[in-house]
N, C-alpha and C. Protein backbone atom coordinates (compact mmCIF):
# COMPACT_ATOMS: atom_id res chain seq x y z
N MET A 1 92.21 105.28 105.10
CA MET A 1 90.91 105.80 104.42
C MET A 1 89.79 105.58 105.44
N THR A 2 89.04 106.61 105.58
CA THR A 2 87.90 106.59 106.64
C THR A 2 86.51 106.87 105.85
N GLU A 3 85.44 106.80 106.68
CA GLU A 3 84.14 107.13 106.36
C GLU A 3 83.63 106.30 105.02
N GLY A 4 84.23 105.20 104.95
CA GLY A 4 83.87 104.19 103.95
C GLY A 4 83.93 104.59 102.52
N ARG A 5 84.87 105.47 102.22
CA ARG A 5 84.96 105.98 100.84
C ARG A 5 85.60 104.99 99.85
N SER A 6 84.83 104.89 98.66
CA SER A 6 85.34 103.78 97.78
C SER A 6 86.74 104.08 97.35
N ARG A 7 87.43 103.03 96.69
CA ARG A 7 88.62 103.04 96.19
C ARG A 7 88.74 102.13 94.87
N TRP A 8 89.44 102.52 93.92
CA TRP A 8 89.68 101.61 92.78
C TRP A 8 90.25 100.13 93.21
N PRO A 9 89.52 99.14 92.93
CA PRO A 9 89.68 97.78 93.50
C PRO A 9 90.71 96.96 92.55
N GLY A 10 91.04 97.43 91.38
CA GLY A 10 91.84 96.75 90.48
C GLY A 10 93.24 96.42 90.68
N PRO A 11 94.04 95.65 89.92
CA PRO A 11 95.35 95.40 90.36
C PRO A 11 96.26 96.42 90.06
N GLN A 12 95.91 97.42 89.20
CA GLN A 12 96.86 98.58 88.96
C GLN A 12 96.72 99.75 90.12
N ARG A 13 97.90 99.98 90.64
CA ARG A 13 97.98 101.16 91.56
C ARG A 13 97.79 102.39 90.98
N ARG A 14 96.69 103.25 91.43
CA ARG A 14 96.33 104.45 91.02
C ARG A 14 96.36 105.41 92.09
N ILE A 15 97.57 106.30 92.20
CA ILE A 15 97.67 107.21 93.17
C ILE A 15 97.07 108.58 92.65
N GLY A 16 96.08 108.79 93.42
CA GLY A 16 95.36 110.20 93.43
C GLY A 16 96.09 111.24 94.09
N VAL A 17 96.62 112.23 93.56
CA VAL A 17 97.39 113.35 94.10
C VAL A 17 96.40 114.62 93.96
N SER A 18 96.00 115.17 95.32
CA SER A 18 94.96 116.15 95.40
C SER A 18 95.55 117.21 96.46
N GLY A 19 94.83 118.49 96.59
CA GLY A 19 95.16 119.38 97.37
C GLY A 19 94.73 120.55 96.94
N GLY A 20 94.63 121.71 97.90
CA GLY A 20 94.27 122.98 97.41
C GLY A 20 94.99 123.72 96.23
N ILE A 21 94.55 124.84 95.88
CA ILE A 21 95.29 125.69 94.92
C ILE A 21 96.61 125.97 95.55
N ALA A 22 97.87 125.94 94.82
CA ALA A 22 98.98 126.40 95.22
C ALA A 22 99.58 125.60 96.56
N SER A 23 99.16 124.31 96.54
CA SER A 23 99.55 123.52 97.64
C SER A 23 100.86 122.78 97.24
N GLY A 24 101.21 122.78 96.03
CA GLY A 24 102.39 121.78 95.66
C GLY A 24 102.13 120.66 94.80
N LYS A 25 101.02 120.48 94.31
CA LYS A 25 100.66 119.12 93.55
C LYS A 25 101.66 118.91 92.33
N SER A 26 101.93 119.85 91.49
CA SER A 26 102.71 119.75 90.48
C SER A 26 104.13 119.54 90.86
N THR A 27 104.66 119.89 91.96
CA THR A 27 106.04 119.47 92.43
C THR A 27 105.90 118.14 92.59
N VAL A 28 104.86 117.36 93.38
CA VAL A 28 104.89 116.27 93.58
C VAL A 28 104.66 115.32 92.46
N THR A 29 103.75 115.65 91.59
CA THR A 29 103.73 114.80 90.32
C THR A 29 104.95 114.71 89.46
N ALA A 30 105.64 115.99 89.45
CA ALA A 30 106.75 116.06 88.57
C ALA A 30 107.77 114.91 89.27
N LEU A 31 107.93 114.96 90.43
CA LEU A 31 108.76 113.99 91.31
C LEU A 31 108.44 112.48 90.77
N LEU A 32 107.27 112.25 90.94
CA LEU A 32 106.76 111.01 90.74
C LEU A 32 106.99 110.41 89.17
N SER A 33 106.83 111.38 88.40
CA SER A 33 107.00 111.05 87.04
C SER A 33 108.72 111.20 86.65
N ARG A 34 109.37 112.14 87.05
CA ARG A 34 110.75 112.18 86.53
C ARG A 34 111.84 111.42 87.47
N ARG A 35 111.46 111.31 88.52
CA ARG A 35 112.38 110.49 89.46
C ARG A 35 112.08 109.10 89.46
N HIS A 36 110.85 108.90 89.68
CA HIS A 36 110.31 107.49 89.85
C HIS A 36 109.60 106.78 88.67
N GLY A 37 109.46 107.58 87.68
CA GLY A 37 109.01 106.94 86.47
C GLY A 37 107.61 106.48 86.16
N PHE A 38 106.73 107.07 86.94
CA PHE A 38 105.22 106.73 86.96
C PHE A 38 104.71 107.75 86.06
N PRO A 39 103.92 107.24 85.03
CA PRO A 39 103.06 107.95 84.23
C PRO A 39 102.11 108.84 84.83
N VAL A 40 101.87 110.20 84.57
CA VAL A 40 100.92 111.20 85.29
C VAL A 40 99.71 111.66 84.32
N LEU A 41 98.54 111.35 84.81
CA LEU A 41 97.55 112.12 84.08
C LEU A 41 97.07 113.33 84.91
N ASP A 42 96.69 114.41 84.29
CA ASP A 42 96.59 115.51 84.84
C ASP A 42 95.26 115.98 84.54
N ALA A 43 94.24 116.38 85.59
CA ALA A 43 92.95 116.88 85.42
C ALA A 43 93.04 118.28 84.72
N ASP A 44 94.02 119.18 85.26
CA ASP A 44 94.20 120.51 84.75
C ASP A 44 94.43 120.52 83.28
N VAL A 45 95.09 119.53 82.89
CA VAL A 45 95.50 119.55 81.25
C VAL A 45 94.20 119.30 80.62
N MET A 46 93.39 118.17 81.01
CA MET A 46 92.25 117.74 80.45
C MET A 46 91.12 118.88 80.55
N ALA A 47 91.09 119.55 81.53
CA ALA A 47 90.14 120.76 81.88
C ALA A 47 90.54 121.83 80.75
N ARG A 48 91.78 122.11 80.61
CA ARG A 48 92.18 123.20 79.63
C ARG A 48 91.75 122.65 78.17
N ALA A 49 91.95 121.41 77.80
CA ALA A 49 91.69 121.00 76.74
C ALA A 49 90.07 120.92 76.36
N ALA A 50 89.39 120.99 77.56
CA ALA A 50 87.94 120.99 77.42
C ALA A 50 87.37 122.45 76.92
N LEU A 51 88.33 123.32 77.11
CA LEU A 51 87.87 124.85 76.48
C LEU A 51 88.84 125.36 75.62
N ALA A 52 89.34 124.47 74.83
CA ALA A 52 90.29 124.95 73.71
C ALA A 52 89.46 125.42 72.58
N PRO A 53 89.93 126.21 71.69
CA PRO A 53 89.15 126.80 70.66
C PRO A 53 88.51 125.93 69.78
N ASP A 54 88.93 124.68 69.66
CA ASP A 54 88.23 123.56 68.90
C ASP A 54 87.35 122.76 69.57
N SER A 55 87.21 122.95 70.80
CA SER A 55 86.26 121.99 71.71
C SER A 55 85.04 122.39 71.38
N PRO A 56 83.89 121.38 71.54
CA PRO A 56 82.73 121.66 71.26
C PRO A 56 82.05 122.41 72.48
N LEU A 57 82.67 122.44 73.42
CA LEU A 57 82.09 123.00 74.91
C LEU A 57 82.45 124.50 74.74
N THR A 58 83.31 124.95 74.09
CA THR A 58 83.88 126.24 74.10
C THR A 58 82.65 127.31 73.67
N PRO A 59 82.13 127.04 72.39
CA PRO A 59 80.90 127.97 72.04
C PRO A 59 79.73 128.01 73.05
N LEU A 60 79.53 126.79 73.63
CA LEU A 60 78.35 126.85 74.55
C LEU A 60 78.84 127.72 75.83
N VAL A 61 80.00 127.70 76.35
CA VAL A 61 80.60 128.60 77.30
C VAL A 61 80.58 129.98 76.94
N LEU A 62 80.89 130.38 75.81
CA LEU A 62 80.86 131.62 75.29
C LEU A 62 79.38 132.31 75.02
N GLN A 63 78.63 131.32 74.78
CA GLN A 63 77.19 131.63 74.55
C GLN A 63 76.60 131.94 75.97
N HIS A 64 77.03 131.29 77.03
CA HIS A 64 76.45 131.29 78.33
C HIS A 64 76.92 132.61 78.92
N PHE A 65 78.14 132.79 79.01
CA PHE A 65 78.58 134.02 79.67
C PHE A 65 78.76 135.43 78.87
N GLY A 66 78.51 135.19 77.68
CA GLY A 66 78.48 136.29 76.74
C GLY A 66 79.76 136.88 76.65
N THR A 67 79.89 138.32 76.30
CA THR A 67 80.98 139.19 76.05
C THR A 67 81.96 139.47 77.19
N ARG A 68 81.42 139.09 78.42
CA ARG A 68 82.27 139.20 79.60
C ARG A 68 83.52 138.53 79.54
N ILE A 69 83.41 137.37 78.82
CA ILE A 69 84.57 136.36 78.84
C ILE A 69 85.27 136.34 77.33
N GLU A 70 84.97 137.38 76.47
CA GLU A 70 85.63 137.29 75.37
C GLU A 70 86.79 138.23 75.28
N ASP A 71 87.88 138.04 74.58
CA ASP A 71 88.85 138.65 74.22
C ASP A 71 88.62 139.75 73.16
N ALA A 72 89.62 140.48 72.66
CA ALA A 72 89.38 141.36 71.67
C ALA A 72 89.06 140.76 70.32
N GLY A 73 89.58 139.50 70.21
CA GLY A 73 89.38 138.83 68.88
C GLY A 73 88.02 138.10 68.94
N GLY A 74 87.18 138.04 70.01
CA GLY A 74 86.07 137.13 70.07
C GLY A 74 86.34 135.69 70.61
N GLN A 75 87.54 135.52 71.11
CA GLN A 75 87.90 134.11 71.70
C GLN A 75 87.73 134.25 73.15
N LEU A 76 87.73 132.98 73.75
CA LEU A 76 87.59 132.76 75.22
C LEU A 76 88.81 133.40 75.78
N ASP A 77 88.50 134.35 76.84
CA ASP A 77 89.45 134.76 77.72
C ASP A 77 89.44 134.03 79.06
N ARG A 78 90.26 133.20 79.32
CA ARG A 78 90.39 132.31 80.41
C ARG A 78 90.57 133.10 81.69
N LYS A 79 91.27 134.13 81.74
CA LYS A 79 91.32 134.87 82.96
C LYS A 79 90.05 135.45 83.31
N ALA A 80 89.23 136.19 82.20
CA ALA A 80 87.95 136.61 82.61
C ALA A 80 87.04 135.74 83.12
N LEU A 81 87.17 134.57 82.64
CA LEU A 81 86.25 133.38 82.92
C LEU A 81 86.53 132.98 84.31
N GLY A 82 87.75 132.83 84.63
CA GLY A 82 88.17 132.67 86.08
C GLY A 82 87.70 133.60 87.21
N ARG A 83 87.80 134.71 86.78
CA ARG A 83 87.31 135.81 87.63
C ARG A 83 85.72 135.75 87.95
N ILE A 84 84.94 135.30 86.92
CA ILE A 84 83.58 135.07 87.17
C ILE A 84 83.35 133.90 87.95
N VAL A 85 83.91 132.75 87.51
CA VAL A 85 83.45 131.53 88.21
C VAL A 85 84.03 131.55 89.77
N PHE A 86 85.15 132.11 90.14
CA PHE A 86 85.77 132.03 91.35
C PHE A 86 84.95 133.04 92.30
N SER A 87 84.14 133.97 91.75
CA SER A 87 83.26 134.80 92.75
C SER A 87 81.92 134.55 92.47
N ASP A 88 81.40 133.43 91.86
CA ASP A 88 80.00 133.28 91.52
C ASP A 88 79.78 131.73 91.78
N VAL A 89 79.10 131.54 92.74
CA VAL A 89 78.97 130.04 92.93
C VAL A 89 78.22 129.37 91.82
N GLU A 90 77.04 129.97 91.41
CA GLU A 90 76.12 129.33 90.49
C GLU A 90 76.76 129.42 89.16
N ALA A 91 77.77 130.27 88.85
CA ALA A 91 78.54 130.19 87.50
C ALA A 91 79.57 129.07 87.51
N ARG A 92 80.25 128.89 88.69
CA ARG A 92 81.12 127.83 88.90
C ARG A 92 80.53 126.35 88.83
N ALA A 93 79.40 126.30 89.32
CA ALA A 93 78.54 125.02 89.25
C ALA A 93 78.26 124.77 87.92
N TRP A 94 77.79 125.85 87.05
CA TRP A 94 77.27 125.55 85.68
C TRP A 94 78.38 124.94 84.96
N LEU A 95 79.70 125.70 85.12
CA LEU A 95 80.91 125.20 84.37
C LEU A 95 81.35 124.03 84.70
N GLU A 96 81.40 123.72 86.11
CA GLU A 96 82.06 122.37 86.47
C GLU A 96 80.95 121.19 86.05
N ALA A 97 79.84 121.59 86.11
CA ALA A 97 78.89 120.34 85.57
C ALA A 97 79.08 120.04 84.20
N ARG A 98 79.65 120.82 83.33
CA ARG A 98 80.02 120.54 82.00
C ARG A 98 81.45 120.25 81.69
N ILE A 99 82.35 120.53 82.50
CA ILE A 99 83.85 120.17 82.38
C ILE A 99 83.96 118.87 83.01
N HIS A 100 83.48 118.67 84.24
CA HIS A 100 83.70 117.34 84.94
C HIS A 100 83.55 115.94 84.11
N PRO A 101 82.53 116.02 83.46
CA PRO A 101 82.07 114.64 82.89
C PRO A 101 83.31 114.48 81.63
N LEU A 102 83.79 115.65 80.88
CA LEU A 102 84.72 115.50 79.88
C LEU A 102 86.11 115.06 80.45
N VAL A 103 86.34 115.66 81.69
CA VAL A 103 87.59 115.36 82.40
C VAL A 103 87.65 113.77 82.81
N ARG A 104 86.50 113.42 83.43
CA ARG A 104 86.15 111.94 83.56
C ARG A 104 86.38 111.09 82.30
N GLN A 105 85.82 111.58 81.25
CA GLN A 105 86.08 110.77 79.99
C GLN A 105 87.41 110.69 79.60
N GLY A 106 88.21 111.87 79.80
CA GLY A 106 89.56 111.90 79.51
C GLY A 106 90.36 110.91 80.21
N PHE A 107 90.19 110.95 81.58
CA PHE A 107 90.80 109.91 82.48
C PHE A 107 90.44 108.34 81.93
N ASP A 108 89.33 108.00 81.81
CA ASP A 108 88.87 106.74 81.44
C ASP A 108 89.63 106.37 80.17
N GLN A 109 89.76 107.20 79.16
CA GLN A 109 90.45 106.92 77.75
C GLN A 109 91.85 106.64 78.03
N ALA A 110 92.41 107.68 78.83
CA ALA A 110 94.00 107.53 79.08
C ALA A 110 94.21 106.11 79.89
N LEU A 111 93.39 106.08 81.03
CA LEU A 111 93.65 104.78 81.77
C LEU A 111 93.53 103.61 80.86
N ALA A 112 92.72 103.61 79.94
CA ALA A 112 92.46 102.33 79.09
C ALA A 112 93.79 102.14 78.24
N HIS A 113 94.43 103.17 77.84
CA HIS A 113 95.86 103.04 77.11
C HIS A 113 96.87 102.77 78.11
N LEU A 114 96.85 103.02 79.32
CA LEU A 114 97.87 102.86 80.46
C LEU A 114 97.41 101.54 81.23
N ALA A 115 96.61 100.60 80.63
CA ALA A 115 96.05 99.50 81.41
C ALA A 115 97.24 98.43 81.98
N HIS A 116 98.47 98.37 81.38
CA HIS A 116 99.46 97.59 81.64
C HIS A 116 100.45 98.17 82.59
N ALA A 117 100.43 99.37 82.79
CA ALA A 117 101.36 100.35 83.81
C ALA A 117 100.87 99.73 85.21
N PRO A 118 101.99 99.23 85.86
CA PRO A 118 101.79 98.90 87.27
C PRO A 118 101.20 100.12 88.15
N THR A 119 101.63 101.19 87.90
CA THR A 119 101.30 102.35 88.72
C THR A 119 101.10 103.49 87.88
N VAL A 120 99.94 104.30 88.02
CA VAL A 120 99.62 105.44 87.35
C VAL A 120 99.20 106.55 88.28
N VAL A 121 99.66 107.84 88.29
CA VAL A 121 99.38 108.86 88.92
C VAL A 121 98.37 109.81 88.44
N LEU A 122 97.25 110.12 89.19
CA LEU A 122 96.25 110.86 88.82
C LEU A 122 96.28 112.29 89.55
N ALA A 123 96.52 113.41 88.90
CA ALA A 123 96.51 114.57 89.47
C ALA A 123 95.36 115.37 89.44
N ILE A 124 94.55 115.39 90.47
CA ILE A 124 93.15 115.84 90.34
C ILE A 124 92.97 116.80 91.62
N PRO A 125 92.90 118.21 91.27
CA PRO A 125 92.83 119.22 92.38
C PRO A 125 91.43 119.22 92.85
N LEU A 126 90.49 118.80 92.24
CA LEU A 126 88.98 118.64 92.75
C LEU A 126 88.63 117.31 92.92
N LEU A 127 89.56 116.43 93.44
CA LEU A 127 89.37 115.03 93.50
C LEU A 127 88.07 114.75 94.34
N PHE A 128 88.08 115.24 95.49
CA PHE A 128 86.97 115.03 96.44
C PHE A 128 85.68 115.85 96.10
N GLU A 129 85.94 116.98 95.67
CA GLU A 129 84.81 117.92 95.35
C GLU A 129 84.03 117.25 94.08
N ALA A 130 84.48 116.53 93.15
CA ALA A 130 84.06 115.89 92.10
C ALA A 130 83.71 114.55 92.35
N GLY A 131 83.92 113.93 93.51
CA GLY A 131 83.37 112.64 93.74
C GLY A 131 84.23 111.66 93.09
N LEU A 132 85.69 111.78 92.72
CA LEU A 132 86.32 110.85 92.00
C LEU A 132 87.26 109.85 92.80
N GLU A 133 86.95 109.85 93.98
CA GLU A 133 87.79 108.71 94.80
C GLU A 133 87.73 107.41 94.21
N ALA A 134 86.79 107.02 93.63
CA ALA A 134 86.68 105.64 93.15
C ALA A 134 87.55 105.42 91.98
N LEU A 135 88.23 106.30 91.48
CA LEU A 135 89.27 106.26 90.32
C LEU A 135 90.58 106.00 90.81
N CYS A 136 90.79 106.00 92.24
CA CYS A 136 91.97 105.93 92.67
C CYS A 136 92.13 104.82 93.78
N SER A 137 93.32 104.00 93.75
CA SER A 137 93.44 102.96 94.73
C SER A 137 93.78 103.61 96.21
N GLU A 138 94.55 104.82 96.02
CA GLU A 138 95.10 105.53 97.20
C GLU A 138 95.00 106.90 96.78
N ILE A 139 94.78 107.91 98.06
CA ILE A 139 94.93 109.45 97.61
C ILE A 139 95.93 109.99 98.71
N TRP A 140 96.75 110.85 98.02
CA TRP A 140 97.85 111.55 98.69
C TRP A 140 97.42 113.05 98.69
N LEU A 141 97.29 113.65 99.90
CA LEU A 141 96.79 115.05 99.92
C LEU A 141 97.70 115.96 100.19
N LEU A 142 98.13 117.01 99.65
CA LEU A 142 99.15 117.72 99.79
C LEU A 142 98.28 118.74 100.90
N ASP A 143 99.11 119.21 101.87
CA ASP A 143 98.52 119.88 103.15
C ASP A 143 99.67 121.17 103.47
N LEU A 144 98.94 122.15 103.67
CA LEU A 144 99.70 123.29 104.23
C LEU A 144 98.96 124.51 104.76
N PRO A 145 99.34 125.13 105.88
CA PRO A 145 98.42 126.27 106.36
C PRO A 145 97.95 127.06 105.16
N GLU A 146 96.74 127.63 105.49
CA GLU A 146 96.04 128.43 104.56
C GLU A 146 96.71 129.90 104.46
N VAL A 147 97.50 130.29 105.28
CA VAL A 147 98.31 131.53 105.17
C VAL A 147 99.38 131.40 104.25
N SER A 148 99.96 130.17 104.26
CA SER A 148 101.08 129.85 103.34
C SER A 148 100.49 129.61 101.82
N GLN A 149 99.27 129.00 101.72
CA GLN A 149 98.80 128.77 100.49
C GLN A 149 98.40 130.29 99.94
N LEU A 150 97.85 131.03 100.66
CA LEU A 150 97.39 132.38 100.20
C LEU A 150 98.69 133.16 99.62
N GLN A 151 99.81 132.99 100.42
CA GLN A 151 101.09 133.68 99.99
C GLN A 151 101.59 133.27 98.80
N ARG A 152 101.67 131.97 98.61
CA ARG A 152 102.11 131.19 97.35
C ARG A 152 101.26 131.41 96.07
N LEU A 153 99.98 131.60 96.41
CA LEU A 153 98.98 131.76 95.29
C LEU A 153 99.31 133.17 94.82
N ARG A 154 99.20 134.04 95.64
CA ARG A 154 99.56 135.68 95.27
C ARG A 154 100.73 135.74 94.64
N GLN A 155 101.78 135.18 95.00
CA GLN A 155 103.16 135.03 94.45
C GLN A 155 103.19 134.61 92.97
N ARG A 156 102.51 133.49 93.00
CA ARG A 156 102.57 132.84 91.65
C ARG A 156 101.47 133.47 90.59
N SER A 157 100.52 133.94 90.92
CA SER A 157 99.29 134.44 90.02
C SER A 157 99.32 135.91 89.92
N ALA A 158 99.99 136.59 90.74
CA ALA A 158 99.98 138.12 90.88
C ALA A 158 98.63 138.60 90.87
N ILE A 159 97.84 138.09 91.87
CA ILE A 159 96.31 138.66 91.90
C ILE A 159 96.25 139.24 93.47
N SER A 160 95.24 139.90 93.62
CA SER A 160 94.82 140.41 94.92
C SER A 160 94.63 139.37 95.97
N GLY A 161 94.70 139.98 97.27
CA GLY A 161 94.41 139.05 98.38
C GLY A 161 92.88 138.58 98.27
N GLU A 162 91.88 139.45 97.83
CA GLU A 162 90.71 139.23 97.77
C GLU A 162 90.36 137.94 96.82
N GLU A 163 91.14 138.15 95.52
CA GLU A 163 91.01 137.17 94.63
C GLU A 163 91.49 135.78 95.02
N ALA A 164 92.62 135.91 95.68
CA ALA A 164 93.25 134.70 96.19
C ALA A 164 92.38 133.93 97.19
N ARG A 165 91.77 134.89 98.00
CA ARG A 165 90.95 133.86 99.06
C ARG A 165 89.83 133.45 98.45
N ALA A 166 89.14 134.00 97.35
CA ALA A 166 88.09 133.57 96.59
C ALA A 166 88.39 132.32 95.92
N ARG A 167 89.56 132.17 95.34
CA ARG A 167 89.97 130.84 94.76
C ARG A 167 90.19 129.82 95.90
N ILE A 168 90.74 130.14 97.02
CA ILE A 168 90.95 129.08 97.91
C ILE A 168 89.56 128.66 98.56
N ALA A 169 88.52 129.66 98.83
CA ALA A 169 87.26 129.28 99.13
C ALA A 169 86.43 128.52 98.30
N ALA A 170 86.83 128.42 96.95
CA ALA A 170 85.91 127.75 96.06
C ALA A 170 86.28 126.20 96.01
N GLN A 171 87.38 125.85 96.93
CA GLN A 171 87.72 124.33 97.11
C GLN A 171 87.35 124.00 98.52
N TRP A 172 87.29 122.65 98.90
CA TRP A 172 87.09 122.37 100.19
C TRP A 172 88.28 122.62 100.97
N PRO A 173 88.03 123.00 102.31
CA PRO A 173 89.19 123.25 103.10
C PRO A 173 89.97 121.86 103.42
N SER A 174 91.20 122.00 103.75
CA SER A 174 91.84 120.85 104.04
C SER A 174 91.54 120.07 105.27
N SER A 175 90.83 120.74 106.22
CA SER A 175 90.16 120.15 107.37
C SER A 175 89.12 119.12 107.04
N ARG A 176 88.59 119.31 105.82
CA ARG A 176 87.49 118.43 105.35
C ARG A 176 87.91 117.23 104.51
N LYS A 177 89.18 117.52 104.01
CA LYS A 177 89.80 116.33 103.04
C LYS A 177 90.73 115.50 103.83
N ARG A 178 91.51 116.04 104.83
CA ARG A 178 92.30 115.18 105.61
C ARG A 178 91.73 113.74 105.91
N PRO A 179 90.55 113.73 106.55
CA PRO A 179 90.13 112.36 106.97
C PRO A 179 89.67 111.30 105.74
N LEU A 180 89.73 112.07 104.63
CA LEU A 180 89.19 111.26 103.32
C LEU A 180 90.60 110.79 102.52
N ALA A 181 91.69 111.13 103.03
CA ALA A 181 92.96 110.87 102.28
C ALA A 181 93.60 109.60 103.01
N ASP A 182 94.46 109.10 102.24
CA ASP A 182 95.23 107.73 102.80
C ASP A 182 96.65 108.28 103.13
N ARG A 183 97.21 109.17 102.70
CA ARG A 183 98.44 109.82 103.01
C ARG A 183 98.49 111.37 102.89
N ILE A 184 99.12 111.91 103.98
CA ILE A 184 99.12 113.38 103.95
C ILE A 184 100.49 113.74 103.83
N LEU A 185 100.72 114.54 102.80
CA LEU A 185 102.06 115.20 102.58
C LEU A 185 102.17 116.71 102.95
N ASP A 186 102.88 116.96 104.09
CA ASP A 186 102.89 118.28 104.82
C ASP A 186 103.96 119.11 103.83
N ASN A 187 103.34 120.25 103.20
CA ASN A 187 104.22 121.05 102.43
C ASN A 187 104.40 122.41 102.97
N SER A 188 104.25 122.49 104.42
CA SER A 188 104.61 123.70 105.15
C SER A 188 106.04 124.08 105.31
N GLY A 189 107.01 123.09 104.95
CA GLY A 189 108.22 123.38 105.07
C GLY A 189 108.91 123.76 103.61
N ASP A 190 110.36 123.22 103.32
CA ASP A 190 110.90 123.60 102.09
C ASP A 190 110.89 122.42 101.09
N ARG A 191 111.24 122.68 99.92
CA ARG A 191 111.12 121.60 98.88
C ARG A 191 111.81 120.33 99.34
N GLU A 192 112.91 120.37 99.82
CA GLU A 192 113.73 119.16 100.11
C GLU A 192 112.85 118.27 101.22
N ALA A 193 112.09 118.89 101.98
CA ALA A 193 111.47 118.23 103.08
C ALA A 193 110.08 117.60 102.21
N LEU A 194 109.73 118.07 101.30
CA LEU A 194 108.55 117.53 100.74
C LEU A 194 108.97 116.34 99.86
N GLU A 195 110.17 116.58 99.21
CA GLU A 195 110.70 115.60 98.24
C GLU A 195 111.09 114.25 99.24
N ARG A 196 111.46 114.54 100.51
CA ARG A 196 111.79 113.39 101.28
C ARG A 196 110.48 112.48 101.49
N GLN A 197 109.44 113.34 101.77
CA GLN A 197 108.18 112.78 102.17
C GLN A 197 107.76 111.92 100.92
N VAL A 198 108.02 112.35 99.71
CA VAL A 198 107.52 111.70 98.42
C VAL A 198 108.40 110.45 98.20
N ASP A 199 109.51 110.58 98.43
CA ASP A 199 110.55 109.31 98.41
C ASP A 199 110.17 108.13 99.34
N LYS A 200 109.81 108.69 100.59
CA LYS A 200 109.45 107.75 101.70
C LYS A 200 108.20 107.06 101.16
N ALA A 201 107.15 107.85 100.61
CA ALA A 201 105.99 107.20 100.13
C ALA A 201 106.23 106.25 99.17
N VAL A 202 106.99 106.42 98.13
CA VAL A 202 107.01 105.67 97.06
C VAL A 202 108.01 104.42 97.60
N GLU A 203 108.90 104.56 98.44
CA GLU A 203 109.69 103.39 99.15
C GLU A 203 108.57 102.37 99.71
N ALA A 204 107.58 102.96 100.38
CA ALA A 204 106.61 102.32 101.06
C ALA A 204 105.66 101.46 100.12
N ILE A 205 105.52 102.14 99.02
CA ILE A 205 104.51 101.22 98.06
C ILE A 205 105.39 100.47 96.83
N SER A 206 106.54 100.92 96.44
CA SER A 206 107.38 100.48 95.46
C SER A 206 108.80 100.54 95.75
N PRO A 207 109.32 99.67 96.41
CA PRO A 207 110.86 99.71 96.78
C PRO A 207 111.57 99.60 95.61
N ALA A 208 111.25 98.87 94.61
CA ALA A 208 111.97 98.70 93.30
C ALA A 208 112.18 100.09 92.75
N ALA A 209 111.06 100.91 92.53
CA ALA A 209 110.99 102.12 91.89
C ALA A 209 111.92 103.16 92.69
N ALA A 210 111.93 103.16 93.89
CA ALA A 210 112.66 103.99 94.99
C ALA A 210 114.07 103.74 94.64
N THR A 211 114.49 102.35 94.60
CA THR A 211 115.77 102.18 94.41
C THR A 211 116.43 102.61 93.18
N ALA A 212 115.60 102.30 91.94
CA ALA A 212 115.94 102.65 90.72
C ALA A 212 116.12 104.36 90.67
N ALA A 213 115.28 104.95 91.45
CA ALA A 213 115.39 106.33 91.28
C ALA A 213 116.77 106.84 92.03
N ARG A 214 116.95 106.24 93.09
CA ARG A 214 118.21 106.68 93.88
C ARG A 214 119.44 106.32 92.95
N LEU A 215 119.61 105.24 92.37
CA LEU A 215 120.74 104.87 91.52
C LEU A 215 120.91 105.73 90.37
N ALA A 216 119.65 106.16 89.94
CA ALA A 216 119.71 107.01 88.57
C ALA A 216 120.08 108.64 88.98
N ARG A 217 119.98 108.87 90.17
CA ARG A 217 120.23 110.22 90.51
C ARG A 217 121.93 110.60 90.54
N PRO A 218 122.19 111.64 89.88
CA PRO A 218 123.54 111.83 89.64
C PRO A 218 124.13 112.37 91.25
N PRO A 219 125.28 111.97 91.57
CA PRO A 219 125.84 112.45 92.79
C PRO A 219 125.90 113.93 92.85
N GLY A 220 125.43 114.55 93.95
CA GLY A 220 125.47 116.07 94.25
C GLY A 220 124.18 116.62 93.60
N THR A 221 123.27 115.86 93.15
CA THR A 221 121.92 116.57 92.62
C THR A 221 121.28 117.31 93.55
N VAL A 222 120.92 118.58 93.33
CA VAL A 222 120.08 119.29 94.27
C VAL A 222 118.69 118.96 94.10
N HIS A 223 118.15 118.42 95.24
CA HIS A 223 116.63 118.09 95.20
C HIS A 223 115.96 119.29 94.78
N GLY A 224 115.04 119.19 93.86
CA GLY A 224 113.89 120.23 93.51
C GLY A 224 114.13 120.93 92.26
N VAL A 225 115.55 120.76 91.83
CA VAL A 225 115.92 121.70 90.63
C VAL A 225 115.01 121.32 89.53
N ALA A 226 115.00 120.01 89.34
CA ALA A 226 114.42 119.51 88.04
C ALA A 226 112.93 119.89 87.97
N CYS A 227 112.16 120.20 89.21
CA CYS A 227 110.82 120.27 89.36
C CYS A 227 110.51 121.83 89.32
N ALA A 228 111.27 122.54 89.15
CA ALA A 228 111.01 123.98 89.41
C ALA A 228 109.96 124.48 88.34
N ALA A 229 110.12 124.16 87.15
CA ALA A 229 109.20 124.55 86.14
C ALA A 229 107.69 123.96 86.33
N HIS A 230 107.63 122.92 86.81
CA HIS A 230 106.24 122.32 87.12
C HIS A 230 105.81 122.96 88.40
N ALA A 231 106.54 123.39 89.33
CA ALA A 231 106.20 123.96 90.58
C ALA A 231 105.42 125.35 90.42
N GLU A 232 106.04 126.09 89.43
CA GLU A 232 105.65 127.38 89.18
C GLU A 232 104.18 127.46 88.87
N ARG A 233 103.65 126.47 88.12
CA ARG A 233 102.26 126.53 87.88
C ARG A 233 101.32 125.78 88.81
N GLU A 234 101.89 125.25 89.91
CA GLU A 234 101.31 124.73 90.93
C GLU A 234 100.72 125.75 92.05
């Protein structure tokens, strides 16, 4: 940890997992949950809930952006909203100023329910941008070259290169985040290489959890198969 960034001082270990879009965060959190048994709280899930049809924020968003983000039935079209906020800095700032407090509230409530868990994983894509470092006792950053990130994002989301670059540019570059993280996970290789890094990181902080995961893994298990569904949305 550098630059005097604050961290969660309590006894519970809170692992913040962050990284740019399409960097592999969901693969890592799936491993931490399924293989190592850590509960995972996901900011993306909370952000989607903040814009659910029954959310009090949704009518305000529809009113602010107008028919540009309505589907044929007059409901919120998330893809249309995404195209606007990833291409308009002011629009993105307006939306984030309203979603981020709800996400923070969601984390606070969920963490209260998990107060007795020794370790909790917090998956937060915009962890640094939103200033949520103090929620975490340590931060793991997914890192990979931008050219690989661009390729993965286009393959996953079937969007143009211009759209993909705009989404990547909407977040801090890895060069700005690396000095602020406690552990860097290099995802420029294959999935097995990433899994080995995750297992090593868990071994360092929780040998008991790492040992239990090894004993529970069936002989011949192919690394990464269990995480494929999660990785698709990463």
